[in-house]
C-alpha atoms as a PDB file:
ATOM      1  CA  MET A   1      61.154  83.880  62.028  1.00  0.00           C
ATOM      2  CA  LYS A   2      58.902  85.601  64.805  1.00  0.00           C
ATOM      3  CA  LYS A   3      59.745  83.191  67.498  1.00  0.00           C
ATOM      4  CA  THR A   4      63.292  83.470  66.563  1.00  0.00           C
ATOM      5  CA  LEU A   5      63.249  86.975  66.737  1.00  0.00           C
ATOM      6  CA  ILE A   6      61.345  86.996  70.152  1.00  0.00           C
ATOM      7  CA  ALA A   7      63.897  84.587  71.594  1.00  0.00           C
ATOM      8  CA  CYS A   8      66.747  86.838  70.428  1.00  0.00           C
ATOM      9  CA  LEU A   9      65.186  89.722  71.905  1.00  0.00           C
ATOM     10  CA  LEU A  10      64.370  87.939  75.360  1.00  0.00           C
ATOM     11  CA  SER A  11      67.941  86.835  75.339  1.00  0.00           C
ATOM     12  CA  GLY A  12      69.222  90.262  75.303  1.00  0.00           C
ATOM     13  CA  PHE A  13      67.148  91.259  77.938  1.00  0.00           C
ATOM     14  CA  ALA A  14      67.572  88.372  80.322  1.00  0.00           C
ATOM     15  CA  GLY A  15      70.672  90.308  81.564  1.00  0.00           C
ATOM     16  CA  PHE A  16      68.466  93.290  83.180  1.00  0.00           C
ATOM     17  CA  ALA A  17      65.814  90.772  84.750  1.00  0.00           C
ATOM     18  CA  PHE A  18      68.186  89.687  87.235  1.00  0.00           C
ATOM     19  CA  PRO A  19      70.467  91.988  89.067  1.00  0.00           C
ATOM     20  CA  PRO A  20      73.874  90.763  90.173  1.00  0.00           C
ATOM     21  CA  VAL A  21      74.233  88.670  93.233  1.00  0.00           C
ATOM     22  CA  TYR A  22      77.123  89.741  95.616  1.00  0.00           C
ATOM     23  CA  ALA A  23      79.174  87.590  97.683  1.00  0.00           C
ATOM     24  CA  ALA A  24      81.128  88.897 100.733  1.00  0.00           C
ATOM     25  CA  SER A  25      84.847  88.698 100.577  1.00  0.00           C
ATOM     26  CA  SER A  26      86.501  86.418 103.460  1.00  0.00           C
ATOM     27  CA  HIS A  27      87.908  88.004 106.346  1.00  0.00           C
ATOM     28  CA  HIS A  28      87.860  87.100 109.992  1.00  0.00           C
ATOM     29  CA  ASP A  29      85.139  88.929 112.081  1.00  0.00           C
ATOM     30  CA  ALA A  30      84.751  89.564 115.879  1.00  0.00           C
ATOM     31  CA  HIS A  31      82.946  85.911 116.382  1.00  0.00           C
ATOM     32  CA  GLY A  32      85.980  84.435 114.970  1.00  0.00           C
ATOM     33  CA  GLY A  33      84.378  83.234 111.491  1.00  0.00           C
ATOM     34  CA  HIS A  34      84.742  84.634 108.136  1.00  0.00           C
ATOM     35  CA  GLY A  35      82.302  87.389 107.469  1.00  0.00           C
ATOM     36  CA  GLY A  36      80.132  87.342 104.728  1.00  0.00           C
ATOM     37  CA  HIS A  37      81.484  83.864 103.406  1.00  0.00           C
ATOM     38  CA  GLY A  38      81.620  84.090  99.566  1.00  0.00           C
ATOM     39  CA  ALA A  39      83.236  83.944  96.512  1.00  0.00           C
ATOM     40  CA  THR A  40      86.548  85.622  97.058  1.00  0.00           C
ATOM     41  CA  SER A  41      86.561  86.532  93.323  1.00  0.00           C
ATOM     42  CA  ALA A  42      83.359  88.641  93.317  1.00  0.00           C
ATOM     43  CA  PRO A  43      83.737  92.191  93.478  1.00  0.00           C
ATOM     44  CA  ALA A  44      82.503  93.851  96.822  1.00  0.00           C
ATOM     45  CA  PRO A  45      79.716  96.246  96.530  1.00  0.00           C
ATOM     46  CA  ALA A  46      79.755  99.929  96.400  1.00  0.00           C
ATOM     47  CA  LYS A  47      79.461 101.365 100.112  1.00  0.00           C
ATOM     48  CA  ASN A  48      76.383 103.316  99.313  1.00  0.00           C
ATOM     49  CA  ASP A  49      74.527 100.021  98.207  1.00  0.00           C
ATOM     50  CA  LEU A  50      74.978  98.425 101.711  1.00  0.00           C
ATOM     51  CA  VAL A  51      71.635  98.772 104.059  1.00  0.00           C
ATOM     52  CA  ASP A  52      72.360  99.495 107.632  1.00  0.00           C
ATOM     53  CA  GLY A  53      70.526  96.372 109.980  1.00  0.00           C
ATOM     54  CA  VAL A  54      70.365  94.775 113.334  1.00  0.00           C
ATOM     55  CA  VAL A  55      70.001  91.093 113.546  1.00  0.00           C
ATOM     56  CA  LYS A  56      66.829  90.642 115.759  1.00  0.00           C
ATOM     57  CA  ARG A  57      66.004  87.118 115.107  1.00  0.00           C
ATOM     58  CA  ILE A  58      67.968  84.100 113.630  1.00  0.00           C
ATOM     59  CA  ASP A  59      66.297  81.011 112.641  1.00  0.00           C
ATOM     60  CA  LYS A  60      68.783  78.311 111.448  1.00  0.00           C
ATOM     61  CA  ALA A  61      66.607  75.592 110.964  1.00  0.00           C
ATOM     62  CA  GLY A  62      64.459  77.581 108.443  1.00  0.00           C
ATOM     63  CA  GLY A  63      67.453  79.343 106.926  1.00  0.00           C
ATOM     64  CA  LYS A  64      65.903  82.925 108.157  1.00  0.00           C
ATOM     65  CA  VAL A  65      67.050  86.124 109.888  1.00  0.00           C
ATOM     66  CA  THR A  66      65.206  89.117 111.069  1.00  0.00           C
ATOM     67  CA  VAL A  67      66.510  92.385 110.518  1.00  0.00           C
ATOM     68  CA  ALA A  68      65.441  95.747 111.528  1.00  0.00           C
ATOM     69  CA  HIS A  69      66.884  97.541 108.837  1.00  0.00           C
ATOM     70  CA  GLY A  70      66.689 101.119 106.805  1.00  0.00           C
ATOM     71  CA  PRO A  71      65.370 101.825 103.546  1.00  0.00           C
ATOM     72  CA  LEU A  72      65.554  99.119 100.602  1.00  0.00           C
ATOM     73  CA  VAL A  73      66.004 101.387  97.614  1.00  0.00           C
ATOM     74  CA  ASN A  74      66.416  98.517  95.198  1.00  0.00           C
ATOM     75  CA  LEU A  75      63.557  96.986  96.259  1.00  0.00           C
ATOM     76  CA  ASN A  76      61.593 100.334  96.289  1.00  0.00           C
ATOM     77  CA  MET A  77      61.099  99.988 100.069  1.00  0.00           C
ATOM     78  CA  SER A  78      61.614 103.740 101.333  1.00  0.00           C
ATOM     79  CA  GLN A  79      60.869 103.064 105.079  1.00  0.00           C
ATOM     80  CA  PRO A  80      62.680 101.357 107.569  1.00  0.00           C
ATOM     81  CA  MET A  81      61.288  98.422 109.004  1.00  0.00           C
ATOM     82  CA  THR A  82      61.916  94.928 110.547  1.00  0.00           C
ATOM     83  CA  MET A  83      61.720  92.107 107.934  1.00  0.00           C
ATOM     84  CA  VAL A  84      62.506  88.218 107.955  1.00  0.00           C
ATOM     85  CA  PHE A  85      65.163  87.180 104.935  1.00  0.00           C
ATOM     86  CA  ARG A  86      66.310  84.085 103.835  1.00  0.00           C
ATOM     87  CA  VAL A  87      70.097  84.091 103.269  1.00  0.00           C
ATOM     88  CA  LYS A  88      71.996  83.139 100.205  1.00  0.00           C
ATOM     89  CA  ASP A  89      74.275  80.873 102.369  1.00  0.00           C
ATOM     90  CA  ALA A  90      73.236  79.344 105.070  1.00  0.00           C
ATOM     91  CA  SER A  91      76.561  79.270 107.098  1.00  0.00           C
ATOM     92  CA  TRP A  92      76.280  83.261 107.511  1.00  0.00           C
ATOM     93  CA  LEU A  93      73.680  82.200 110.080  1.00  0.00           C
ATOM     94  CA  ASP A  94      76.665  80.574 112.302  1.00  0.00           C
ATOM     95  CA  GLN A  95      78.204  84.041 112.100  1.00  0.00           C
ATOM     96  CA  MET A  96      75.310  86.347 113.038  1.00  0.00           C
ATOM     97  CA  ARG A  97      74.146  86.924 116.715  1.00  0.00           C
ATOM     98  CA  VAL A  98      71.049  88.724 118.059  1.00  0.00           C
ATOM     99  CA  ASP A  99      71.717  92.787 118.127  1.00  0.00           C
ATOM    100  CA  ASP A 100      74.643  92.475 115.539  1.00  0.00           C
ATOM    101  CA  LYS A 101      74.804  95.218 113.676  1.00  0.00           C
ATOM    102  CA  ILE A 102      75.476  94.232 109.684  1.00  0.00           C
ATOM    103  CA  ARG A 103      75.709  95.904 106.483  1.00  0.00           C
ATOM    104  CA  PHE A 104      73.552  94.118 103.522  1.00  0.00           C
ATOM    105  CA  ILE A 105      72.361  93.996 100.065  1.00  0.00           C
ATOM    106  CA  ALA A 106      68.930  91.842  99.949  1.00  0.00           C
ATOM    107  CA  ASP A 107      66.915  91.088  96.829  1.00  0.00           C
ATOM    108  CA  SER A 108      63.604  89.760  95.541  1.00  0.00           C
ATOM    109  CA  ILE A 109      64.433  86.245  93.844  1.00  0.00           C
ATOM    110  CA  GLY A 110      61.589  84.336  92.713  1.00  0.00           C
ATOM    111  CA  GLY A 111      59.391  86.650  94.959  1.00  0.00           C
ATOM    112  CA  THR A 112      61.405  85.598  98.146  1.00  0.00           C
ATOM    113  CA  LEU A 113      63.516  88.160  99.874  1.00  0.00           C
ATOM    114  CA  ILE A 114      67.159  86.822 100.325  1.00  0.00           C
ATOM    115  CA  ILE A 115      70.082  88.411 101.677  1.00  0.00           C
ATOM    116  CA  VAL A 116      72.623  88.079  98.667  1.00  0.00           C
ATOM    117  CA  TYR A 117      75.522  89.956 100.781  1.00  0.00           C
ATOM    118  CA  PHE A 118      76.336  91.166 104.553  1.00  0.00           C
ATOM    119  CA  GLU A 119      78.760  91.982 106.327  1.00  0.00           C
ATOM    120  CA  ALA A 120      79.392  93.011 109.993  1.00  0.00           C
ATOM    121  CA  ALA A 121      78.998  96.832 110.874  1.00  0.00           C
ATOM    122  CA  LYS A 122      82.295  98.441 112.006  1.00  0.00           C
END
């Protein structure tokens, strides 16, 4: 009985343990690609969820990008800094160029910082 109750309680909280993952809409960007590839059925994030950043380095082989960015409120990082992130979709790295201004959402998944949504800044 206790195990069943605990399992029910844990499954009820599972939705709170993992924040939603956003996918970008598919639209052409200045580089001739699709900005932020992703499922077109996923809702676009609210504009105030997006963080401004500048691409500093791209490591396609490692699936990582270095971004100078503003505060990441959802990750309790209140200071602007430059950090290395993995990307949800490796094809996004083909759309980024060093010095590109982007807007993005990052999340910590399994202790790894991952950009789960990005778009070219306008």
